[in-house]
Amino acid sequence: MTASRRPYLLVFLALVVLTALELGVVYVPGISHGLLVSALILLALAKAGLVLMQFMHLGHETRALKLTVIVPFALPALYAFVLISEAGWRLLR
């Protein structure tokens, strides 16, 4: 294996491990729905971060360029979180 392929292989193996963890979390007996969803979201974010840093080549870029890419992805997620929280609040009242 050449030195240029090694980081890609390591990220691929990390993605395989994170995917196995996602499958494992789903089959944990007695886990609450909220904890299940939270764990799956955190694992998905970790996988997305690995893909962004390695396969989109953001790992060696400047902070400004990283923010230019990450902020547009984060804002819709934040907006969805606010809308879902507000809907849940209305249901509980």
N, C-alpha and C. Protein backbone atom coordinates (compact mmCIF):
# COMPACT_ATOMS: atom_id res chain seq x y z
N MET A 1 0.86 -1.18 0.00
CA MET A 1 0.00 0.00 0.00
C MET A 1 0.90 1.24 0.00
N THR A 2 0.58 2.16 -0.87
CA THR A 2 1.37 3.38 -0.93
C THR A 2 0.96 4.33 0.19
N ALA A 3 1.85 5.26 0.49
CA ALA A 3 1.59 6.21 1.58
C ALA A 3 0.41 7.11 1.28
N SER A 4 0.12 7.36 0.01
CA SER A 4 -0.99 8.26 -0.33
C SER A 4 -2.35 7.59 -0.13
N ARG A 5 -2.39 6.28 -0.13
CA ARG A 5 -3.66 5.57 0.06
C ARG A 5 -3.97 5.29 1.52
N ARG A 6 -2.98 5.34 2.36
CA ARG A 6 -3.16 4.98 3.77
C ARG A 6 -4.23 5.82 4.48
N PRO A 7 -4.23 7.16 4.37
CA PRO A 7 -5.28 7.93 5.06
C PRO A 7 -6.68 7.58 4.60
N TYR A 8 -6.83 7.31 3.31
CA TYR A 8 -8.15 6.94 2.79
C TYR A 8 -8.61 5.60 3.35
N LEU A 9 -7.69 4.67 3.45
CA LEU A 9 -8.03 3.37 4.00
C LEU A 9 -8.40 3.48 5.48
N LEU A 10 -7.66 4.30 6.22
CA LEU A 10 -7.97 4.48 7.65
C LEU A 10 -9.34 5.13 7.84
N VAL A 11 -9.66 6.12 7.02
CA VAL A 11 -10.98 6.75 7.13
C VAL A 11 -12.07 5.76 6.73
N PHE A 12 -11.81 4.97 5.70
CA PHE A 12 -12.78 3.96 5.30
C PHE A 12 -13.04 2.98 6.45
N LEU A 13 -11.98 2.52 7.10
CA LEU A 13 -12.14 1.60 8.22
C LEU A 13 -12.88 2.26 9.38
N ALA A 14 -12.60 3.55 9.63
CA ALA A 14 -13.33 4.27 10.68
C ALA A 14 -14.81 4.37 10.34
N LEU A 15 -15.13 4.60 9.07
CA LEU A 15 -16.53 4.66 8.64
C LEU A 15 -17.21 3.30 8.81
N VAL A 16 -16.49 2.23 8.53
CA VAL A 16 -17.05 0.88 8.73
C VAL A 16 -17.34 0.65 10.21
N VAL A 17 -16.40 1.05 11.07
CA VAL A 17 -16.60 0.87 12.52
C VAL A 17 -17.78 1.70 13.00
N LEU A 18 -17.89 2.94 12.55
CA LEU A 18 -19.01 3.79 12.97
C LEU A 18 -20.34 3.23 12.47
N THR A 19 -20.35 2.66 11.27
CA THR A 19 -21.58 2.04 10.75
C THR A 19 -21.95 0.82 11.59
N ALA A 20 -20.95 0.03 11.97
CA ALA A 20 -21.22 -1.13 12.84
C ALA A 20 -21.76 -0.67 14.19
N LEU A 21 -21.22 0.43 14.71
CA LEU A 21 -21.74 0.97 15.97
C LEU A 21 -23.19 1.42 15.82
N GLU A 22 -23.52 2.03 14.68
CA GLU A 22 -24.91 2.42 14.44
C GLU A 22 -25.83 1.21 14.45
N LEU A 23 -25.42 0.15 13.79
CA LEU A 23 -26.23 -1.07 13.79
C LEU A 23 -26.32 -1.66 15.19
N GLY A 24 -25.22 -1.61 15.92
CA GLY A 24 -25.23 -2.13 17.28
C GLY A 24 -26.15 -1.36 18.20
N VAL A 25 -26.17 -0.03 18.06
CA VAL A 25 -27.03 0.81 18.90
C VAL A 25 -28.51 0.49 18.65
N VAL A 26 -28.85 0.21 17.41
CA VAL A 26 -30.25 -0.07 17.07
C VAL A 26 -30.73 -1.33 17.78
N TYR A 27 -29.85 -2.30 17.95
CA TYR A 27 -30.27 -3.57 18.53
C TYR A 27 -30.00 -3.69 20.04
N VAL A 28 -29.68 -2.58 20.70
CA VAL A 28 -29.52 -2.60 22.16
C VAL A 28 -30.90 -2.74 22.80
N PRO A 29 -31.11 -3.78 23.59
CA PRO A 29 -32.44 -3.97 24.19
C PRO A 29 -32.69 -2.93 25.29
N GLY A 30 -33.90 -2.40 25.30
CA GLY A 30 -34.32 -1.50 26.36
C GLY A 30 -33.84 -0.07 26.24
N ILE A 31 -33.23 0.31 25.15
CA ILE A 31 -32.75 1.68 24.98
C ILE A 31 -33.94 2.58 24.68
N SER A 32 -33.97 3.75 25.31
CA SER A 32 -35.09 4.66 25.09
C SER A 32 -35.00 5.26 23.69
N HIS A 33 -36.14 5.68 23.18
CA HIS A 33 -36.20 6.24 21.83
C HIS A 33 -35.35 7.49 21.70
N GLY A 34 -35.41 8.36 22.69
CA GLY A 34 -34.63 9.60 22.65
C GLY A 34 -33.13 9.34 22.64
N LEU A 35 -32.69 8.39 23.46
CA LEU A 35 -31.28 8.05 23.50
C LEU A 35 -30.84 7.39 22.20
N LEU A 36 -31.68 6.55 21.63
CA LEU A 36 -31.39 5.90 20.36
C LEU A 36 -31.19 6.94 19.25
N VAL A 37 -32.13 7.87 19.15
CA VAL A 37 -32.06 8.91 18.13
C VAL A 37 -30.82 9.78 18.34
N SER A 38 -30.55 10.15 19.58
CA SER A 38 -29.38 10.98 19.88
C SER A 38 -28.09 10.26 19.49
N ALA A 39 -27.98 9.00 19.81
CA ALA A 39 -26.77 8.24 19.48
C ALA A 39 -26.60 8.12 17.97
N LEU A 40 -27.68 7.85 17.27
CA LEU A 40 -27.59 7.73 15.81
C LEU A 40 -27.22 9.05 15.16
N ILE A 41 -27.75 10.15 15.67
CA ILE A 41 -27.41 11.47 15.12
C ILE A 41 -25.94 11.78 15.36
N LEU A 42 -25.44 11.51 16.57
CA LEU A 42 -24.03 11.78 16.87
C LEU A 42 -23.10 10.92 16.01
N LEU A 43 -23.45 9.66 15.82
CA LEU A 43 -22.63 8.80 14.97
C LEU A 43 -22.67 9.27 13.51
N ALA A 44 -23.83 9.71 13.04
CA ALA A 44 -23.93 10.23 11.67
C ALA A 44 -23.11 11.50 11.50
N LEU A 45 -23.12 12.36 12.51
CA LEU A 45 -22.31 13.58 12.44
C LEU A 45 -20.81 13.26 12.43
N ALA A 46 -20.41 12.26 13.19
CA ALA A 46 -19.01 11.85 13.18
C ALA A 46 -18.61 11.34 11.80
N LYS A 47 -19.48 10.55 11.19
CA LYS A 47 -19.19 10.05 9.85
C LYS A 47 -19.14 11.19 8.83
N ALA A 48 -20.05 12.14 8.94
CA ALA A 48 -20.05 13.28 8.03
C ALA A 48 -18.78 14.10 8.19
N GLY A 49 -18.32 14.26 9.42
CA GLY A 49 -17.08 14.99 9.66
C GLY A 49 -15.88 14.31 9.03
N LEU A 50 -15.82 12.99 9.15
CA LEU A 50 -14.73 12.26 8.51
C LEU A 50 -14.74 12.43 7.00
N VAL A 51 -15.91 12.34 6.41
CA VAL A 51 -16.03 12.50 4.96
C VAL A 51 -15.63 13.91 4.55
N LEU A 52 -16.10 14.91 5.30
CA LEU A 52 -15.74 16.30 4.98
C LEU A 52 -14.23 16.52 5.05
N MET A 53 -13.62 16.03 6.10
CA MET A 53 -12.20 16.29 6.29
C MET A 53 -11.32 15.53 5.31
N GLN A 54 -11.66 14.28 5.01
CA GLN A 54 -10.77 13.49 4.18
C GLN A 54 -11.15 13.51 2.70
N PHE A 55 -12.37 13.15 2.39
CA PHE A 55 -12.75 12.99 0.99
C PHE A 55 -13.07 14.30 0.30
N MET A 56 -13.47 15.32 1.06
CA MET A 56 -13.67 16.65 0.48
C MET A 56 -12.43 17.52 0.68
N HIS A 57 -11.36 16.92 1.21
CA HIS A 57 -10.05 17.55 1.36
C HIS A 57 -10.09 18.85 2.16
N LEU A 58 -10.91 18.89 3.21
CA LEU A 58 -10.95 20.08 4.05
C LEU A 58 -9.99 20.01 5.23
N GLY A 59 -9.36 18.88 5.44
CA GLY A 59 -8.47 18.71 6.57
C GLY A 59 -7.27 19.64 6.58
N HIS A 60 -6.81 20.02 5.42
CA HIS A 60 -5.61 20.86 5.33
C HIS A 60 -5.92 22.26 4.80
N GLU A 61 -7.17 22.65 4.83
CA GLU A 61 -7.55 23.97 4.34
C GLU A 61 -7.56 25.00 5.47
N THR A 62 -7.72 26.25 5.09
CA THR A 62 -7.77 27.32 6.08
C THR A 62 -9.08 27.28 6.85
N ARG A 63 -9.08 27.91 8.00
CA ARG A 63 -10.28 27.96 8.84
C ARG A 63 -11.44 28.63 8.10
N ALA A 64 -11.15 29.67 7.35
CA ALA A 64 -12.20 30.40 6.63
C ALA A 64 -12.88 29.50 5.61
N LEU A 65 -12.11 28.71 4.88
CA LEU A 65 -12.71 27.82 3.89
C LEU A 65 -13.53 26.72 4.56
N LYS A 66 -13.02 26.19 5.68
CA LYS A 66 -13.78 25.17 6.41
C LYS A 66 -15.13 25.73 6.87
N LEU A 67 -15.13 26.95 7.39
CA LEU A 67 -16.38 27.56 7.83
C LEU A 67 -17.32 27.84 6.66
N THR A 68 -16.75 28.18 5.51
CA THR A 68 -17.56 28.42 4.31
C THR A 68 -18.32 27.17 3.89
N VAL A 69 -17.74 26.01 4.14
CA VAL A 69 -18.39 24.76 3.79
C VAL A 69 -19.30 24.27 4.90
N ILE A 70 -18.87 24.38 6.15
CA ILE A 70 -19.61 23.78 7.27
C ILE A 70 -20.85 24.59 7.65
N VAL A 71 -20.76 25.90 7.64
CA VAL A 71 -21.89 26.74 8.07
C VAL A 71 -23.16 26.50 7.24
N PRO A 72 -23.07 26.44 5.90
CA PRO A 72 -24.30 26.16 5.14
C PRO A 72 -24.92 24.81 5.46
N PHE A 73 -24.13 23.83 5.90
CA PHE A 73 -24.69 22.55 6.30
C PHE A 73 -25.29 22.63 7.70
N ALA A 74 -24.72 23.44 8.57
CA ALA A 74 -25.16 23.51 9.96
C ALA A 74 -26.43 24.33 10.13
N LEU A 75 -26.58 25.39 9.36
CA LEU A 75 -27.75 26.26 9.53
C LEU A 75 -29.08 25.56 9.28
N PRO A 76 -29.26 24.79 8.21
CA PRO A 76 -30.54 24.08 8.06
C PRO A 76 -30.80 23.08 9.19
N ALA A 77 -29.74 22.44 9.68
CA ALA A 77 -29.91 21.50 10.79
C ALA A 77 -30.37 22.24 12.04
N LEU A 78 -29.78 23.39 12.30
CA LEU A 78 -30.18 24.20 13.44
C LEU A 78 -31.62 24.68 13.29
N TYR A 79 -31.98 25.11 12.09
CA TYR A 79 -33.34 25.56 11.82
C TYR A 79 -34.34 24.42 12.03
N ALA A 80 -34.01 23.22 11.56
CA ALA A 80 -34.89 22.06 11.76
C ALA A 80 -35.03 21.74 13.24
N PHE A 81 -33.93 21.83 13.98
CA PHE A 81 -33.97 21.57 15.42
C PHE A 81 -34.91 22.55 16.12
N VAL A 82 -34.81 23.82 15.75
CA VAL A 82 -35.67 24.84 16.36
C VAL A 82 -37.13 24.57 16.03
N LEU A 83 -37.43 24.25 14.78
CA LEU A 83 -38.81 23.97 14.39
C LEU A 83 -39.38 22.74 15.09
N ILE A 84 -38.58 21.69 15.20
CA ILE A 84 -39.04 20.48 15.87
C ILE A 84 -39.24 20.74 17.36
N SER A 85 -38.34 21.49 17.97
CA SER A 85 -38.48 21.83 19.39
C SER A 85 -39.74 22.66 19.63
N GLU A 86 -39.98 23.61 18.75
CA GLU A 86 -41.17 24.46 18.90
C GLU A 86 -42.45 23.64 18.74
N ALA A 87 -42.46 22.70 17.80
CA ALA A 87 -43.64 21.85 17.61
C ALA A 87 -43.85 20.97 18.84
N GLY A 88 -42.77 20.44 19.40
CA GLY A 88 -42.89 19.65 20.61
C GLY A 88 -43.39 20.44 21.78
N TRP A 89 -42.94 21.69 21.89
CA TRP A 89 -43.41 22.56 22.96
C TRP A 89 -44.90 22.82 22.83
N ARG A 90 -45.37 23.03 21.61
CA ARG A 90 -46.80 23.27 21.41
C ARG A 90 -47.63 22.04 21.76
N LEU A 91 -47.10 20.86 21.49
CA LEU A 91 -47.83 19.64 21.82
C LEU A 91 -47.92 19.41 23.34
N LEU A 92 -46.89 19.83 24.07
CA LEU A 92 -46.88 19.61 25.51
C LEU A 92 -47.74 20.62 26.27
N ARG A 93 -48.03 21.77 25.66
CA ARG A 93 -48.81 22.78 26.37
C ARG A 93 -50.26 22.43 26.42
